[in-house]
């Protein structure tokens, strides 16, 4: 709330002038503080003052030096210069230094004097009001920003919870598929481990490794809606059975599609049977169209398929499988990816941390049913 009296500071080295101006100001109802020079002004000035009246010609520190020092304090208190018949140079200099107005001495017209003082007080009131409004606005913005931050945290937490719940549901679907064919369970786990190992060896950041591991974990999810009896039979697949099996990448991508947070995984899952020469499926993409994570999954998926025992063929040894990877580099596989994989697979130790505990439990539960 505004105080009843305005607080005015006057500085003049003439005792008579100080006394006279002070009495006039007090007559108009103001609280007056009078000092002899600019240094005294700087010692007592604070934001509680409404107006400052300065004599120009004061010893030691004149009015111009004083207003310059006041400007540095950034108090925004209106300064009126009290002067006699000064030159135009004084007026120009005072205005350039930010003087609000001028008062002539001796004071002859009290009404004009009072009007100038009141206008200066109103200016100060406006400055203080603007400062309060700005401070309140800044406080309001900070409060709104804090509220928005808290809401964003809640939304992020909810999003992560929903994402985790969705991945757990996907894992349950994966487990249902693996109960139909345990080879797929072991294959999925190994491919995910190989992918995580190779991704780290190639220097991918953790966020990319998370995408790669999740894509590997669900890369065969499309087989969930495909009759796997043809995979389990001894002997080679017929042309019709191959057509059916080759649908699983696109089917898997369609299952992942509605999950907005797995857009990159969807691409990898759809294209994990592509070739760098463009002769893969389902889209016939070539090496330039495939990202590095997809190239990794293509290599590790093929490696595990070659080194795993199936009903219709014997598994290859590590050495022979790596030779096959190199033999097909530049056509089926990316050479740089194969080279890095061959250097790291020899001393590879499986790391089950790439899977959730629920997923691993589901895998071994499926195995025990066999």
Protein backbone atom coordinates (compact mmCIF):
# COMPACT_ATOMS: atom_id res chain seq x y z
CA UNK A 1 0.00 0.00 0.00
CA UNK A 2 1.24 3.52 -0.90
CA UNK A 3 2.67 5.50 2.03
CA UNK A 4 0.84 8.77 2.87
CA UNK A 5 3.91 11.00 2.54
CA UNK A 6 6.26 11.15 -0.41
CA UNK A 7 9.92 10.91 0.54
CA UNK A 8 12.13 13.53 -1.11
CA UNK A 9 15.93 13.94 -0.91
CA UNK A 10 17.50 17.33 -1.62
CA UNK A 11 21.23 18.05 -1.99
CA UNK A 12 22.59 21.61 -2.05
CA UNK A 13 25.74 23.04 -0.53
CA UNK A 14 23.91 26.31 0.29
CA UNK A 15 22.37 26.03 3.78
CA UNK A 16 19.79 28.72 3.06
CA UNK A 17 18.62 27.06 -0.13
CA UNK A 18 18.37 23.66 1.57
CA UNK A 19 16.34 25.10 4.41
CA UNK A 20 14.01 27.11 2.17
CA UNK A 21 13.28 24.28 -0.30
CA UNK A 22 12.81 21.83 2.57
CA UNK A 23 10.21 24.06 4.24
CA UNK A 24 8.31 24.48 0.96
CA UNK A 25 8.26 20.72 0.36
CA UNK A 26 7.13 20.07 3.95
CA UNK A 27 4.42 22.67 3.48
CA UNK A 28 3.09 20.59 0.57
CA UNK A 29 3.05 17.51 2.83
CA UNK A 30 6.26 15.73 1.85
CA UNK A 31 8.88 14.09 4.06
CA UNK A 32 12.19 15.81 3.32
CA UNK A 33 15.82 14.70 3.79
CA UNK A 34 18.42 17.40 3.13
CA UNK A 35 22.19 16.86 2.59
CA UNK A 36 25.12 19.06 1.58
CA UNK A 37 26.59 17.24 -1.44
CA UNK A 38 26.45 14.30 -3.83
CA UNK A 39 28.46 11.93 -1.64
CA UNK A 40 25.90 12.32 1.14
CA UNK A 41 23.19 11.48 -1.40
CA UNK A 42 24.89 8.20 -2.30
CA UNK A 43 25.28 7.27 1.36
CA UNK A 44 21.60 7.47 2.26
CA UNK A 45 19.77 6.86 -1.03
CA UNK A 46 17.62 3.74 -1.32
CA UNK A 47 14.43 2.66 -3.07
CA UNK A 48 12.19 4.26 -0.46
CA UNK A 49 12.81 7.74 -1.88
CA UNK A 50 10.39 9.10 -4.48
CA UNK A 51 12.23 12.17 -5.80
CA UNK A 52 15.78 13.55 -5.72
CA UNK A 53 16.55 17.25 -6.08
CA UNK A 54 20.17 18.10 -6.94
CA UNK A 55 22.04 21.35 -7.13
CA UNK A 56 24.37 21.38 -10.14
CA UNK A 57 27.31 23.29 -8.74
CA UNK A 58 28.39 21.50 -5.57
CA UNK A 59 31.97 21.07 -4.32
CA UNK A 60 33.72 17.70 -4.34
CA UNK A 61 30.91 15.93 -6.26
CA UNK A 62 28.64 18.07 -8.45
CA UNK A 63 25.13 17.31 -9.63
CA UNK A 64 26.24 15.72 -12.94
CA UNK A 65 28.65 13.34 -11.18
CA UNK A 66 25.94 12.48 -8.66
CA UNK A 67 23.28 11.61 -11.25
CA UNK A 68 25.84 9.52 -13.12
CA UNK A 69 26.48 7.52 -9.93
CA UNK A 70 22.74 7.25 -9.30
CA UNK A 71 22.17 5.87 -12.79
CA UNK A 72 24.61 3.08 -12.01
CA UNK A 73 22.46 2.10 -9.00
CA UNK A 74 19.45 1.57 -11.32
CA UNK A 75 16.93 2.87 -8.78
CA UNK A 76 14.80 4.75 -11.36
CA UNK A 77 14.14 7.65 -8.98
CA UNK A 78 13.28 10.87 -10.87
CA UNK A 79 16.03 13.52 -10.54
CA UNK A 80 15.23 17.23 -10.73
CA UNK A 81 18.08 19.73 -11.04
CA UNK A 82 17.92 22.84 -8.89
CA UNK A 83 19.81 25.61 -10.64
CA UNK A 84 20.01 29.29 -11.24
CA UNK A 85 20.25 30.94 -14.63
CA UNK A 86 22.28 28.16 -16.22
CA UNK A 87 23.52 27.86 -19.77
CA UNK A 88 21.92 25.76 -22.48
CA UNK A 89 24.92 23.42 -22.26
CA UNK A 90 23.90 22.53 -18.71
CA UNK A 91 20.36 21.74 -19.82
CA UNK A 92 21.51 19.49 -22.69
CA UNK A 93 23.99 17.65 -20.48
CA UNK A 94 21.40 17.11 -17.72
CA UNK A 95 18.85 15.75 -20.20
CA UNK A 96 21.43 13.39 -21.70
CA UNK A 97 22.17 12.10 -18.20
CA UNK A 98 18.49 11.34 -17.64
CA UNK A 99 17.29 14.32 -15.62
CA UNK A 100 13.50 14.37 -15.24
CA UNK A 101 13.01 18.16 -14.90
CA UNK A 102 14.50 21.44 -13.69
CA UNK A 103 13.70 23.77 -10.80
CA UNK A 104 14.93 27.34 -10.86
CA UNK A 105 16.16 29.15 -7.82
CA UNK A 106 15.10 31.29 -6.18
CA UNK A 107 11.67 29.64 -6.25
CA UNK A 108 9.17 32.30 -7.26
CA UNK A 109 6.11 30.36 -8.44
CA UNK A 110 5.09 27.83 -5.81
CA UNK A 111 2.29 26.39 -7.97
CA UNK A 112 4.68 25.50 -10.80
CA UNK A 113 7.15 24.13 -8.26
CA UNK A 114 4.42 21.96 -6.70
CA UNK A 115 3.22 20.68 -10.10
CA UNK A 116 6.74 19.62 -11.09
CA UNK A 117 7.29 17.83 -7.81
CA UNK A 118 3.94 16.02 -8.05
CA UNK A 119 4.61 14.96 -11.65
CA UNK A 120 7.95 13.53 -10.54
CA UNK A 121 6.20 11.66 -7.71
CA UNK A 122 3.63 10.28 -10.16
CA UNK A 123 6.46 9.16 -12.41
CA UNK A 124 8.02 7.31 -9.48
CA UNK A 125 4.68 5.74 -8.59
CA UNK A 126 4.34 4.56 -12.20
CA UNK A 127 7.87 3.06 -12.11
CA UNK A 128 7.15 1.22 -8.86
CA UNK A 129 3.81 -0.02 -10.18
CA UNK A 130 5.48 -1.28 -13.35
CA UNK A 131 8.16 -3.02 -11.28
CA UNK A 132 5.55 -4.71 -9.10
CA UNK A 133 3.60 -5.79 -12.16
CA UNK A 134 6.75 -7.15 -13.79
CA UNK A 135 7.73 -8.99 -10.60
CA UNK A 136 4.23 -10.46 -10.25
CA UNK A 137 4.28 -11.46 -13.91
CA UNK A 138 7.67 -13.12 -13.50
CA UNK A 139 6.42 -14.92 -10.39
CA UNK A 140 3.34 -16.04 -12.28
CA UNK A 141 5.47 -17.26 -15.20
CA UNK A 142 7.76 -19.15 -12.83
CA UNK A 143 4.73 -20.70 -11.12
CA UNK A 144 3.17 -21.68 -14.45
CA UNK A 145 6.53 -23.04 -15.66
CA UNK A 146 6.86 -25.10 -12.48
CA UNK A 147 3.31 -26.42 -12.84
CA UNK A 148 4.00 -27.27 -16.48
CA UNK A 149 7.23 -29.01 -15.50
CA UNK A 150 5.37 -31.09 -12.92
CA UNK A 151 2.70 -32.00 -15.46
CA UNK A 152 5.37 -32.93 -17.98
CA UNK A 153 7.00 -35.16 -15.38
CA UNK A 154 3.68 -36.86 -14.72
CA UNK A 155 3.06 -37.29 -18.43
CA UNK A 156 6.55 -38.67 -18.92
CA UNK A 157 6.08 -41.06 -16.01
CA UNK A 158 2.73 -42.16 -17.41
CA UNK A 159 4.23 -42.56 -20.87
CA UNK A 160 7.06 -44.70 -19.52
CA UNK A 161 4.63 -46.80 -17.49
CA UNK A 162 2.47 -47.30 -20.57
CA UNK A 163 5.54 -48.12 -22.63
CA UNK A 164 6.72 -50.69 -20.06
CA UNK A 165 3.25 -52.23 -19.85
CA UNK A 166 3.11 -52.49 -23.63
CA UNK A 167 6.54 -54.13 -23.82
CA UNK A 168 5.46 -56.61 -21.13
CA UNK A 169 2.36 -57.41 -23.15
CA UNK A 170 4.53 -57.91 -26.23
CA UNK A 171 6.75 -60.21 -24.20
CA UNK A 172 3.69 -62.23 -23.21
CA UNK A 173 2.77 -62.58 -26.88
CA UNK A 174 6.36 -63.57 -27.59
CA UNK A 175 6.17 -66.23 -24.90
CA UNK A 176 2.95 -67.54 -26.43
CA UNK A 177 4.72 -67.91 -29.75
CA UNK A 178 7.71 -69.59 -28.17
CA UNK A 179 5.49 -72.21 -26.56
CA UNK A 180 4.65 -73.26 -30.11
CA UNK A 181 8.32 -73.67 -31.08
CA UNK A 182 11.10 -73.50 -28.49
CA UNK A 183 13.72 -73.03 -31.18
CA UNK A 184 12.29 -69.55 -31.65
CA UNK A 185 12.69 -68.85 -27.91
CA UNK A 186 16.36 -69.73 -27.87
CA UNK A 187 16.89 -67.98 -31.19
CA UNK A 188 15.28 -64.75 -29.97
CA UNK A 189 17.36 -64.68 -26.80
CA UNK A 190 20.62 -65.36 -28.60
CA UNK A 191 19.95 -62.86 -31.37
CA UNK A 192 19.16 -60.17 -28.80
CA UNK A 193 22.37 -60.93 -26.92
CA UNK A 194 24.43 -60.89 -30.13
CA UNK A 195 22.83 -57.62 -31.25
CA UNK A 196 23.52 -55.90 -27.92
CA UNK A 197 27.12 -57.13 -27.97
CA UNK A 198 27.73 -55.97 -31.53
CA UNK A 199 25.99 -52.64 -30.99
CA UNK A 200 28.28 -51.88 -28.04
CA UNK A 201 31.33 -53.01 -29.98
CA UNK A 202 30.41 -50.62 -32.80
CA UNK A 203 30.07 -47.73 -30.34
CA UNK A 204 26.34 -47.04 -30.44
CA UNK A 205 24.92 -44.93 -27.57
CA UNK A 206 22.64 -46.48 -24.95
CA UNK A 207 19.45 -45.09 -26.50
CA UNK A 208 20.30 -46.75 -29.84
CA UNK A 209 21.24 -49.97 -28.06
CA UNK A 210 17.83 -50.00 -26.38
CA UNK A 211 16.15 -49.71 -29.78
CA UNK A 212 18.34 -52.45 -31.23
CA UNK A 213 17.75 -54.86 -28.33
CA UNK A 214 14.02 -54.31 -28.41
CA UNK A 215 13.87 -54.81 -32.18
CA UNK A 216 15.89 -58.03 -31.80
CA UNK A 217 13.66 -59.24 -29.00
CA UNK A 218 10.54 -58.87 -31.17
CA UNK A 219 12.00 -59.38 -34.66
CA UNK A 220 10.12 -62.66 -35.17
CA UNK A 221 6.86 -61.58 -33.49
CA UNK A 222 5.15 -61.88 -36.87
CA UNK A 223 5.44 -65.66 -36.62
CA UNK A 224 2.83 -65.46 -33.88
CA UNK A 225 0.04 -65.39 -36.49
CA UNK A 226 1.73 -67.78 -38.93
CA UNK A 227 1.34 -71.56 -38.88
CA UNK A 228 4.76 -72.80 -37.73
CA UNK A 229 4.12 -76.43 -38.49
CA UNK A 230 6.04 -76.06 -41.76
CA UNK A 231 9.14 -74.89 -39.83
CA UNK A 232 9.04 -77.91 -37.55
CA UNK A 233 8.80 -80.49 -40.31
CA UNK A 234 11.95 -82.29 -41.52
CA UNK A 235 13.22 -81.43 -44.98
CA UNK A 236 13.10 -78.29 -47.07
CA UNK A 237 10.15 -75.95 -47.30
CA UNK A 238 7.94 -75.87 -50.38
CA UNK A 239 7.55 -72.69 -52.43
CA UNK A 240 4.15 -72.08 -50.83
CA UNK A 241 5.61 -72.51 -47.36
CA UNK A 242 8.42 -70.06 -48.16
CA UNK A 243 5.88 -67.50 -49.30
CA UNK A 244 4.12 -67.90 -45.98
CA UNK A 245 7.28 -67.69 -43.89
CA UNK A 246 8.53 -64.61 -45.78
CA UNK A 247 5.48 -62.71 -44.60
CA UNK A 248 6.60 -62.66 -40.96
CA UNK A 249 8.76 -59.46 -41.16
CA UNK A 250 5.91 -57.36 -42.55
CA UNK A 251 3.38 -59.00 -40.22
CA UNK A 252 5.66 -58.28 -37.26
CA UNK A 253 6.06 -54.65 -38.34
CA UNK A 254 2.28 -54.34 -38.58
CA UNK A 255 1.92 -55.67 -35.03
CA UNK A 256 4.46 -53.09 -33.79
CA UNK A 257 3.01 -50.31 -35.98
CA UNK A 258 0.36 -48.94 -33.58
CA UNK A 259 3.02 -48.43 -30.88
CA UNK A 260 4.19 -44.88 -31.56
CA UNK A 261 7.25 -45.22 -29.32
CA UNK A 262 8.62 -48.15 -31.39
CA UNK A 263 8.80 -46.48 -34.80
CA UNK A 264 12.50 -47.24 -35.29
CA UNK A 265 12.03 -50.79 -34.04
CA UNK A 266 9.24 -51.24 -36.58
CA UNK A 267 11.61 -50.38 -39.44
CA UNK A 268 14.27 -52.81 -38.18
CA UNK A 269 11.75 -55.63 -37.66
CA UNK A 270 10.28 -55.19 -41.14
CA UNK A 271 13.66 -55.25 -42.84
CA UNK A 272 15.69 -57.82 -40.90
CA UNK A 273 15.60 -60.14 -43.94
CA UNK A 274 16.72 -57.53 -46.47
CA UNK A 275 20.11 -57.79 -48.22
CA UNK A 276 22.65 -55.09 -49.02
CA UNK A 277 22.41 -56.02 -52.72
CA UNK A 278 18.64 -55.36 -52.72
CA UNK A 279 17.58 -59.01 -53.20
CA UNK A 280 16.06 -59.50 -49.76
CA UNK A 281 12.44 -59.22 -48.61
CA UNK A 282 9.87 -57.79 -48.12
CA UNK A 283 10.81 -54.51 -49.82
CA UNK A 284 14.04 -55.26 -51.66
CA UNK A 285 15.97 -52.47 -49.95
CA UNK A 286 19.71 -52.18 -50.58
CA UNK A 287 22.58 -51.20 -48.32
CA UNK A 288 22.04 -47.47 -48.79
CA UNK A 289 18.44 -47.80 -47.60
CA UNK A 290 19.27 -49.80 -44.49
CA UNK A 291 20.45 -48.15 -41.28
CA UNK A 292 23.29 -49.55 -39.19
CA UNK A 293 21.01 -51.10 -36.56
CA UNK A 294 19.13 -53.05 -39.21
CA UNK A 295 22.41 -54.24 -40.74
CA UNK A 296 23.44 -55.52 -37.31
CA UNK A 297 20.23 -57.50 -36.86
CA UNK A 298 20.55 -58.97 -40.36
CA UNK A 299 24.04 -60.30 -39.52
CA UNK A 300 23.34 -61.68 -36.04
CA UNK A 301 19.98 -63.19 -37.06
CA UNK A 302 21.65 -65.04 -39.95
CA UNK A 303 24.59 -66.11 -37.80
CA UNK A 304 22.34 -67.66 -35.18
CA UNK A 305 20.24 -69.36 -37.84
CA UNK A 306 23.39 -70.93 -39.30
CA UNK A 307 24.78 -72.07 -35.92
CA UNK A 308 21.46 -73.45 -34.61
CA UNK A 309 20.30 -77.01 -35.16
CA UNK A 310 17.06 -77.40 -37.10
CA UNK A 311 14.94 -80.40 -38.03
CA UNK A 312 15.99 -80.24 -41.68
CA UNK A 313 19.75 -79.59 -41.30
CA UNK A 314 22.75 -79.66 -38.97
CA UNK A 315 24.09 -76.49 -37.41
CA UNK A 316 27.35 -74.93 -38.62
CA UNK A 317 30.34 -74.31 -36.36
CA UNK A 318 31.28 -70.76 -35.38
CA UNK A 319 34.25 -70.77 -37.75
CA UNK A 320 32.28 -72.00 -40.74
CA UNK A 321 29.42 -69.58 -40.04
CA UNK A 322 31.83 -66.63 -39.89
CA UNK A 323 33.38 -67.76 -43.16
CA UNK A 324 29.90 -67.78 -44.65
CA UNK A 325 29.24 -64.27 -43.38
CA UNK A 326 32.41 -63.01 -45.05
CA UNK A 327 31.65 -64.94 -48.24
CA UNK A 328 28.27 -63.18 -48.47
CA UNK A 329 29.56 -59.71 -47.47
CA UNK A 330 28.76 -57.13 -50.07
CA UNK A 331 25.79 -59.14 -51.30
CA UNK A 332 23.76 -60.25 -48.29
CA UNK A 333 25.66 -58.63 -45.42
CA UNK A 334 27.40 -55.33 -44.68
CA UNK A 335 31.17 -55.98 -44.64
CA UNK A 336 32.00 -53.53 -41.80
CA UNK A 337 29.32 -55.10 -39.60
CA UNK A 338 30.59 -58.63 -40.35
CA UNK A 339 34.19 -57.65 -39.58
CA UNK A 340 33.26 -56.18 -36.20
CA UNK A 341 31.05 -59.17 -35.37
CA UNK A 342 33.80 -61.70 -36.25
CA UNK A 343 36.27 -59.91 -33.96
CA UNK A 344 33.93 -59.88 -30.97
CA UNK A 345 31.93 -63.12 -31.18
CA UNK A 346 34.96 -65.31 -30.32
CA UNK A 347 35.20 -64.07 -26.72
CA UNK A 348 31.52 -63.23 -26.32
CA UNK A 349 29.84 -64.03 -22.99
CA UNK A 350 26.02 -63.91 -23.06
CA UNK A 351 24.46 -61.10 -21.03
CA UNK A 352 20.91 -61.85 -19.97
CA UNK A 353 20.45 -58.24 -18.79
CA UNK A 354 19.24 -57.32 -22.26
CA UNK A 355 15.98 -59.12 -21.33
CA UNK A 356 13.49 -58.43 -18.59
CA UNK A 357 13.32 -61.03 -15.82
CA UNK A 358 9.69 -61.72 -16.80
CA UNK A 359 10.77 -62.50 -20.34
CA UNK A 360 13.52 -64.92 -19.29
CA UNK A 361 11.17 -66.64 -16.84
CA UNK A 362 8.70 -67.10 -19.67
CA UNK A 363 11.34 -68.58 -21.94
CA UNK A 364 12.46 -71.18 -19.44
CA UNK A 365 8.89 -71.98 -18.49
CA UNK A 366 8.26 -72.73 -22.16
CA UNK A 367 11.38 -74.88 -22.26
CA UNK A 368 10.31 -76.92 -19.25
CA UNK A 369 7.01 -77.75 -20.92
CA UNK A 370 8.91 -79.50 -23.73
